[in-house]
Amino acid sequence: MEMLIRVKNEQKAIHLFSVLKELSYVEIETSPQKKVTSKKKVASEKDFENLFGIWANRDITLKEIREKAWKRKF
């Protein structure tokens, strides 16, 4: 029987791993660490294109958007 276990807390995962190693009836195979990805969907180009209309019918300029986004004091 094979099993995949995901542990959210790294310290607890290390502890679990050390406990499992002590059990004679458990064989542990390690694989190269996979890149951890968020469960959030990665934005696609189509998702980006859906944002194009968010400023439609708004009386705002690119300069005003930049000023709000990067409030810098000189």
PDB file of N, CA and C in Angstrom:
ATOM      1  N   MET A   1       0.840  -1.165   0.000  1.00  0.00           N
ATOM      2  CA  MET A   1       0.000   0.000   0.000  1.00  0.00           C
ATOM      3  C   MET A   1       0.893   1.239   0.000  1.00  0.00           C
ATOM      4  N   GLU A   2       0.576   2.170  -0.855  1.00  0.00           N
ATOM      5  CA  GLU A   2       1.324   3.430  -0.902  1.00  0.00           C
ATOM      6  C   GLU A   2       0.446   4.537  -0.366  1.00  0.00           C
ATOM      7  N   MET A   3       1.099   5.566   0.179  1.00  0.00           N
ATOM      8  CA  MET A   3       0.364   6.653   0.794  1.00  0.00           C
ATOM      9  C   MET A   3       1.132   7.957   0.590  1.00  0.00           C
ATOM     10  N   LEU A   4       0.402   9.000   0.338  1.00  0.00           N
ATOM     11  CA  LEU A   4       0.985  10.333   0.237  1.00  0.00           C
ATOM     12  C   LEU A   4       0.449  11.138   1.408  1.00  0.00           C
ATOM     13  N   ILE A   5       1.352  11.739   2.165  1.00  0.00           N
ATOM     14  CA  ILE A   5       0.950  12.520   3.332  1.00  0.00           C
ATOM     15  C   ILE A   5       1.449  13.942   3.142  1.00  0.00           C
ATOM     16  N   ARG A   6       0.539  14.900   3.296  1.00  0.00           N
ATOM     17  CA  ARG A   6       0.924  16.312   3.238  1.00  0.00           C
ATOM     18  C   ARG A   6       0.791  16.882   4.640  1.00  0.00           C
ATOM     19  N   VAL A   7       1.854  17.491   5.114  1.00  0.00           N
ATOM     20  CA  VAL A   7       1.850  18.103   6.441  1.00  0.00           C
ATOM     21  C   VAL A   7       2.053  19.599   6.253  1.00  0.00           C
ATOM     22  N   LYS A   8       1.155  20.383   6.800  1.00  0.00           N
ATOM     23  CA  LYS A   8       1.182  21.826   6.583  1.00  0.00           C
ATOM     24  C   LYS A   8       2.305  22.520   7.337  1.00  0.00           C
ATOM     25  N   ASN A   9       2.684  21.989   8.481  1.00  0.00           N
ATOM     26  CA  ASN A   9       3.692  22.615   9.319  1.00  0.00           C
ATOM     27  C   ASN A   9       5.022  21.882   9.135  1.00  0.00           C
ATOM     28  N   GLU A  10       6.067  22.597   8.723  1.00  0.00           N
ATOM     29  CA  GLU A  10       7.347  21.961   8.414  1.00  0.00           C
ATOM     30  C   GLU A  10       7.961  21.272   9.625  1.00  0.00           C
ATOM     31  N   GLN A  11       7.900  21.898  10.785  1.00  0.00           N
ATOM     32  CA  GLN A  11       8.464  21.288  11.995  1.00  0.00           C
ATOM     33  C   GLN A  11       7.745  19.993  12.340  1.00  0.00           C
ATOM     34  N   LYS A  12       6.433  19.982  12.206  1.00  0.00           N
ATOM     35  CA  LYS A  12       5.663  18.776  12.499  1.00  0.00           C
ATOM     36  C   LYS A  12       5.933  17.694  11.457  1.00  0.00           C
ATOM     37  N   ALA A  13       6.183  18.102  10.230  1.00  0.00           N
ATOM     38  CA  ALA A  13       6.522  17.138   9.178  1.00  0.00           C
ATOM     39  C   ALA A  13       7.843  16.450   9.505  1.00  0.00           C
ATOM     40  N   ILE A  14       8.801  17.202   9.987  1.00  0.00           N
ATOM     41  CA  ILE A  14      10.099  16.634  10.373  1.00  0.00           C
ATOM     42  C   ILE A  14       9.906  15.647  11.515  1.00  0.00           C
ATOM     43  N   HIS A  15       9.089  16.012  12.469  1.00  0.00           N
ATOM     44  CA  HIS A  15       8.812  15.122  13.595  1.00  0.00           C
ATOM     45  C   HIS A  15       8.137  13.838  13.120  1.00  0.00           C
ATOM     46  N   LEU A  16       7.130  13.963  12.283  1.00  0.00           N
ATOM     47  CA  LEU A  16       6.428  12.796  11.744  1.00  0.00           C
ATOM     48  C   LEU A  16       7.386  11.898  10.981  1.00  0.00           C
ATOM     49  N   PHE A  17       8.248  12.499  10.187  1.00  0.00           N
ATOM     50  CA  PHE A  17       9.227  11.745   9.410  1.00  0.00           C
ATOM     51  C   PHE A  17      10.139  10.933  10.333  1.00  0.00           C
ATOM     52  N   SER A  18      10.591  11.554  11.410  1.00  0.00           N
ATOM     53  CA  SER A  18      11.484  10.843  12.332  1.00  0.00           C
ATOM     54  C   SER A  18      10.759   9.692  13.030  1.00  0.00           C
ATOM     55  N   VAL A  19       9.486   9.863  13.343  1.00  0.00           N
ATOM     56  CA  VAL A  19       8.712   8.776  13.955  1.00  0.00           C
ATOM     57  C   VAL A  19       8.536   7.634  12.971  1.00  0.00           C
ATOM     58  N   LEU A  20       8.180   7.955  11.750  1.00  0.00           N
ATOM     59  CA  LEU A  20       7.968   6.911  10.738  1.00  0.00           C
ATOM     60  C   LEU A  20       9.243   6.132  10.440  1.00  0.00           C
ATOM     61  N   LYS A  21      10.389   6.802  10.485  1.00  0.00           N
ATOM     62  CA  LYS A  21      11.663   6.118  10.224  1.00  0.00           C
ATOM     63  C   LYS A  21      11.934   5.034  11.257  1.00  0.00           C
ATOM     64  N   GLU A  22      11.429   5.189  12.469  1.00  0.00           N
ATOM     65  CA  GLU A  22      11.664   4.236  13.546  1.00  0.00           C
ATOM     66  C   GLU A  22      10.812   2.972  13.417  1.00  0.00           C
ATOM     67  N   LEU A  23       9.788   2.997  12.609  1.00  0.00           N
ATOM     68  CA  LEU A  23       8.900   1.845  12.458  1.00  0.00           C
ATOM     69  C   LEU A  23       9.477   0.876  11.435  1.00  0.00           C
ATOM     70  N   SER A  24       9.703  -0.357  11.860  1.00  0.00           N
ATOM     71  CA  SER A  24      10.353  -1.338  10.984  1.00  0.00           C
ATOM     72  C   SER A  24       9.472  -1.736   9.793  1.00  0.00           C
ATOM     73  N   TYR A  25       8.186  -1.599   9.905  1.00  0.00           N
ATOM     74  CA  TYR A  25       7.276  -2.014   8.841  1.00  0.00           C
ATOM     75  C   TYR A  25       6.951  -0.886   7.861  1.00  0.00           C
ATOM     76  N   VAL A  26       7.609   0.255   8.016  1.00  0.00           N
ATOM     77  CA  VAL A  26       7.380   1.386   7.122  1.00  0.00           C
ATOM     78  C   VAL A  26       8.637   1.611   6.288  1.00  0.00           C
ATOM     79  N   GLU A  27       8.464   1.615   4.982  1.00  0.00           N
ATOM     80  CA  GLU A  27       9.561   1.949   4.075  1.00  0.00           C
ATOM     81  C   GLU A  27       9.310   3.355   3.563  1.00  0.00           C
ATOM     82  N   ILE A  28      10.334   4.173   3.602  1.00  0.00           N
ATOM     83  CA  ILE A  28      10.189   5.568   3.183  1.00  0.00           C
ATOM     84  C   ILE A  28      11.014   5.794   1.930  1.00  0.00           C
ATOM     85  N   GLU A  29      10.352   6.274   0.900  1.00  0.00           N
ATOM     86  CA  GLU A  29      11.035   6.677  -0.325  1.00  0.00           C
ATOM     87  C   GLU A  29      10.948   8.186  -0.409  1.00  0.00           C
ATOM     88  N   THR A  30      12.070   8.809  -0.576  1.00  0.00           N
ATOM     89  CA  THR A  30      12.052  10.269  -0.730  1.00  0.00           C
ATOM     90  C   THR A  30      12.290  10.596  -2.189  1.00  0.00           C
ATOM     91  N   SER A  31      11.720  11.677  -2.604  1.00  0.00           N
ATOM     92  CA  SER A  31      11.903  12.133  -3.980  1.00  0.00           C
ATOM     93  C   SER A  31      12.435  13.557  -3.922  1.00  0.00           C
ATOM     94  N   PRO A  32      12.991  14.027  -5.037  1.00  0.00           N
ATOM     95  CA  PRO A  32      13.457  15.423  -5.038  1.00  0.00           C
ATOM     96  C   PRO A  32      12.294  16.330  -4.633  1.00  0.00           C
ATOM     97  N   GLN A  33      12.622  17.314  -3.835  1.00  0.00           N
ATOM     98  CA  GLN A  33      11.582  18.195  -3.335  1.00  0.00           C
ATOM     99  C   GLN A  33      10.912  18.926  -4.478  1.00  0.00           C
ATOM    100  N   LYS A  34       9.607  18.842  -4.496  1.00  0.00           N
ATOM    101  CA  LYS A  34       8.841  19.538  -5.518  1.00  0.00           C
ATOM    102  C   LYS A  34       8.636  20.974  -5.090  1.00  0.00           C
ATOM    103  N   LYS A  35       8.517  21.821  -6.068  1.00  0.00           N
ATOM    104  CA  LYS A  35       8.253  23.219  -5.778  1.00  0.00           C
ATOM    105  C   LYS A  35       6.854  23.326  -5.183  1.00  0.00           C
ATOM    106  N   VAL A  36       6.762  23.962  -4.040  1.00  0.00           N
ATOM    107  CA  VAL A  36       5.476  24.121  -3.375  1.00  0.00           C
ATOM    108  C   VAL A  36       4.709  25.212  -4.098  1.00  0.00           C
ATOM    109  N   THR A  37       3.498  24.880  -4.468  1.00  0.00           N
ATOM    110  CA  THR A  37       2.670  25.867  -5.146  1.00  0.00           C
ATOM    111  C   THR A  37       1.421  26.113  -4.324  1.00  0.00           C
ATOM    112  N   SER A  38       0.940  27.286  -4.439  1.00  0.00           N
ATOM    113  CA  SER A  38      -0.275  27.658  -3.739  1.00  0.00           C
ATOM    114  C   SER A  38      -1.451  26.983  -4.414  1.00  0.00           C
ATOM    115  N   LYS A  39      -2.506  26.791  -3.650  1.00  0.00           N
ATOM    116  CA  LYS A  39      -3.715  26.218  -4.229  1.00  0.00           C
ATOM    117  C   LYS A  39      -4.447  27.234  -5.091  1.00  0.00           C
ATOM    118  N   LYS A  40      -4.034  28.480  -4.992  1.00  0.00           N
ATOM    119  CA  LYS A  40      -4.659  29.498  -5.824  1.00  0.00           C
ATOM    120  C   LYS A  40      -4.315  29.229  -7.282  1.00  0.00           C
ATOM    121  N   LYS A  41      -5.266  29.466  -8.137  1.00  0.00           N
ATOM    122  CA  LYS A  41      -5.059  29.263  -9.554  1.00  0.00           C
ATOM    123  C   LYS A  41      -4.079  30.308 -10.081  1.00  0.00           C
ATOM    124  N   VAL A  42      -3.135  29.859 -10.869  1.00  0.00           N
ATOM    125  CA  VAL A  42      -2.190  30.775 -11.486  1.00  0.00           C
ATOM    126  C   VAL A  42      -2.928  31.510 -12.596  1.00  0.00           C
ATOM    127  N   ALA A  43      -2.789  32.813 -12.611  1.00  0.00           N
ATOM    128  CA  ALA A  43      -3.504  33.625 -13.594  1.00  0.00           C
ATOM    129  C   ALA A  43      -3.026  33.304 -15.003  1.00  0.00           C
ATOM    130  N   SER A  44      -3.973  33.093 -15.858  1.00  0.00           N
ATOM    131  CA  SER A  44      -3.643  32.839 -17.252  1.00  0.00           C
ATOM    132  C   SER A  44      -3.730  34.151 -18.033  1.00  0.00           C
ATOM    133  N   GLU A  45      -3.305  34.091 -19.260  1.00  0.00           N
ATOM    134  CA  GLU A  45      -3.367  35.287 -20.105  1.00  0.00           C
ATOM    135  C   GLU A  45      -4.811  35.728 -20.277  1.00  0.00           C
ATOM    136  N   LYS A  46      -5.725  34.773 -20.373  1.00  0.00           N
ATOM    137  CA  LYS A  46      -7.141  35.096 -20.534  1.00  0.00           C
ATOM    138  C   LYS A  46      -7.669  35.832 -19.304  1.00  0.00           C
ATOM    139  N   ASP A  47      -7.241  35.399 -18.095  1.00  0.00           N
ATOM    140  CA  ASP A  47      -7.659  36.090 -16.880  1.00  0.00           C
ATOM    141  C   ASP A  47      -7.187  37.540 -16.901  1.00  0.00           C
ATOM    142  N   PHE A  48      -5.973  37.745 -17.382  1.00  0.00           N
ATOM    143  CA  PHE A  48      -5.422  39.088 -17.466  1.00  0.00           C
ATOM    144  C   PHE A  48      -6.255  39.942 -18.416  1.00  0.00           C
ATOM    145  N   GLU A  49      -6.649  39.356 -19.521  1.00  0.00           N
ATOM    146  CA  GLU A  49      -7.440  40.099 -20.498  1.00  0.00           C
ATOM    147  C   GLU A  49      -8.800  40.493 -19.929  1.00  0.00           C
ATOM    148  N   ASN A  50      -9.320  39.719 -18.996  1.00  0.00           N
ATOM    149  CA  ASN A  50     -10.605  40.052 -18.380  1.00  0.00           C
ATOM    150  C   ASN A  50     -10.522  41.332 -17.548  1.00  0.00           C
ATOM    151  N   LEU A  51      -9.320  41.720 -17.149  1.00  0.00           N
ATOM    152  CA  LEU A  51      -9.148  42.929 -16.356  1.00  0.00           C
ATOM    153  C   LEU A  51      -9.155  44.198 -17.201  1.00  0.00           C
ATOM    154  N   PHE A  52      -9.056  44.068 -18.506  1.00  0.00           N
ATOM    155  CA  PHE A  52      -8.930  45.238 -19.364  1.00  0.00           C
ATOM    156  C   PHE A  52     -10.083  46.224 -19.194  1.00  0.00           C
ATOM    157  N   GLY A  53     -11.247  45.765 -18.869  1.00  0.00           N
ATOM    158  CA  GLY A  53     -12.407  46.642 -18.787  1.00  0.00           C
ATOM    159  C   GLY A  53     -12.683  47.224 -17.420  1.00  0.00           C
ATOM    160  N   ILE A  54     -11.827  46.975 -16.434  1.00  0.00           N
ATOM    161  CA  ILE A  54     -12.157  47.422 -15.082  1.00  0.00           C
ATOM    162  C   ILE A  54     -12.168  48.936 -14.930  1.00  0.00           C
ATOM    163  N   TRP A  55     -11.507  49.648 -15.840  1.00  0.00           N
ATOM    164  CA  TRP A  55     -11.472  51.104 -15.753  1.00  0.00           C
ATOM    165  C   TRP A  55     -12.474  51.749 -16.712  1.00  0.00           C
ATOM    166  N   ALA A  56     -13.250  50.948 -17.394  1.00  0.00           N
ATOM    167  CA  ALA A  56     -14.230  51.488 -18.343  1.00  0.00           C
ATOM    168  C   ALA A  56     -15.239  52.363 -17.601  1.00  0.00           C
ATOM    169  N   ASN A  57     -15.620  53.437 -18.225  1.00  0.00           N
ATOM    170  CA  ASN A  57     -16.611  54.375 -17.685  1.00  0.00           C
ATOM    171  C   ASN A  57     -16.185  54.997 -16.355  1.00  0.00           C
ATOM    172  N   ARG A  58     -14.889  55.098 -16.122  1.00  0.00           N
ATOM    173  CA  ARG A  58     -14.380  55.757 -14.915  1.00  0.00           C
ATOM    174  C   ARG A  58     -13.580  56.969 -15.347  1.00  0.00           C
ATOM    175  N   ASP A  59     -13.783  58.040 -14.649  1.00  0.00           N
ATOM    176  CA  ASP A  59     -13.086  59.279 -14.959  1.00  0.00           C
ATOM    177  C   ASP A  59     -11.791  59.313 -14.153  1.00  0.00           C
ATOM    178  N   ILE A  60     -10.795  58.587 -14.635  1.00  0.00           N
ATOM    179  CA  ILE A  60      -9.507  58.516 -13.946  1.00  0.00           C
ATOM    180  C   ILE A  60      -8.406  58.437 -14.996  1.00  0.00           C
ATOM    181  N   THR A  61      -7.298  59.083 -14.715  1.00  0.00           N
ATOM    182  CA  THR A  61      -6.193  59.088 -15.668  1.00  0.00           C
ATOM    183  C   THR A  61      -5.099  58.135 -15.197  1.00  0.00           C
ATOM    184  N   LEU A  62      -4.229  57.788 -16.113  1.00  0.00           N
ATOM    185  CA  LEU A  62      -3.099  56.929 -15.784  1.00  0.00           C
ATOM    186  C   LEU A  62      -2.221  57.606 -14.728  1.00  0.00           C
ATOM    187  N   LYS A  63      -2.076  58.921 -14.834  1.00  0.00           N
ATOM    188  CA  LYS A  63      -1.279  59.671 -13.859  1.00  0.00           C
ATOM    189  C   LYS A  63      -1.875  59.533 -12.461  1.00  0.00           C
ATOM    190  N   GLU A  64      -3.196  59.619 -12.346  1.00  0.00           N
ATOM    191  CA  GLU A  64      -3.849  59.489 -11.044  1.00  0.00           C
ATOM    192  C   GLU A  64      -3.682  58.083 -10.470  1.00  0.00           C
ATOM    193  N   ILE A  65      -3.756  57.090 -11.316  1.00  0.00           N
ATOM    194  CA  ILE A  65      -3.556  55.703 -10.870  1.00  0.00           C
ATOM    195  C   ILE A  65      -2.146  55.538 -10.323  1.00  0.00           C
ATOM    196  N   ARG A  66      -1.174  56.058 -11.053  1.00  0.00           N
ATOM    197  CA  ARG A  66       0.223  55.955 -10.610  1.00  0.00           C
ATOM    198  C   ARG A  66       0.449  56.685  -9.285  1.00  0.00           C
ATOM    199  N   GLU A  67      -0.148  57.859  -9.145  1.00  0.00           N
ATOM    200  CA  GLU A  67       0.023  58.617  -7.901  1.00  0.00           C
ATOM    201  C   GLU A  67      -0.552  57.872  -6.708  1.00  0.00           C
ATOM    202  N   LYS A  68      -1.675  57.207  -6.908  1.00  0.00           N
ATOM    203  CA  LYS A  68      -2.281  56.437  -5.814  1.00  0.00           C
ATOM    204  C   LYS A  68      -1.472  55.177  -5.510  1.00  0.00           C
ATOM    205  N   ALA A  69      -0.906  54.572  -6.539  1.00  0.00           N
ATOM    206  CA  ALA A  69      -0.163  53.322  -6.360  1.00  0.00           C
ATOM    207  C   ALA A  69       1.207  53.567  -5.725  1.00  0.00           C
ATOM    208  N   TRP A  70       1.868  54.624  -6.120  1.00  0.00           N
ATOM    209  CA  TRP A  70       3.220  54.905  -5.629  1.00  0.00           C
ATOM    210  C   TRP A  70       3.258  56.251  -4.960  1.00  0.00           C
ATOM    211  N   LYS A  71       2.813  56.300  -3.736  1.00  0.00           N
ATOM    212  CA  LYS A  71       2.842  57.560  -3.003  1.00  0.00           C
ATOM    213  C   LYS A  71       4.265  57.773  -2.516  1.00  0.00           C
ATOM    214  N   ARG A  72       4.966  58.632  -3.196  1.00  0.00           N
ATOM    215  CA  ARG A  72       6.357  58.919  -2.868  1.00  0.00           C
ATOM    216  C   ARG A  72       6.477  60.347  -2.332  1.00  0.00           C
ATOM    217  N   LYS A  73       7.346  60.493  -1.366  1.00  0.00           N
ATOM    218  CA  LYS A  73       7.596  61.819  -0.837  1.00  0.00           C
ATOM    219  C   LYS A  73       9.024  62.208  -1.221  1.00  0.00           C
ATOM    220  N   PHE A  74       9.137  63.308  -1.884  1.00  0.00           N
ATOM    221  CA  PHE A  74      10.474  63.746  -2.333  1.00  0.00           C
ATOM    222  C   PHE A  74      10.961  64.860  -1.450  1.00  0.00           C
TER     223      PHE A  74
END
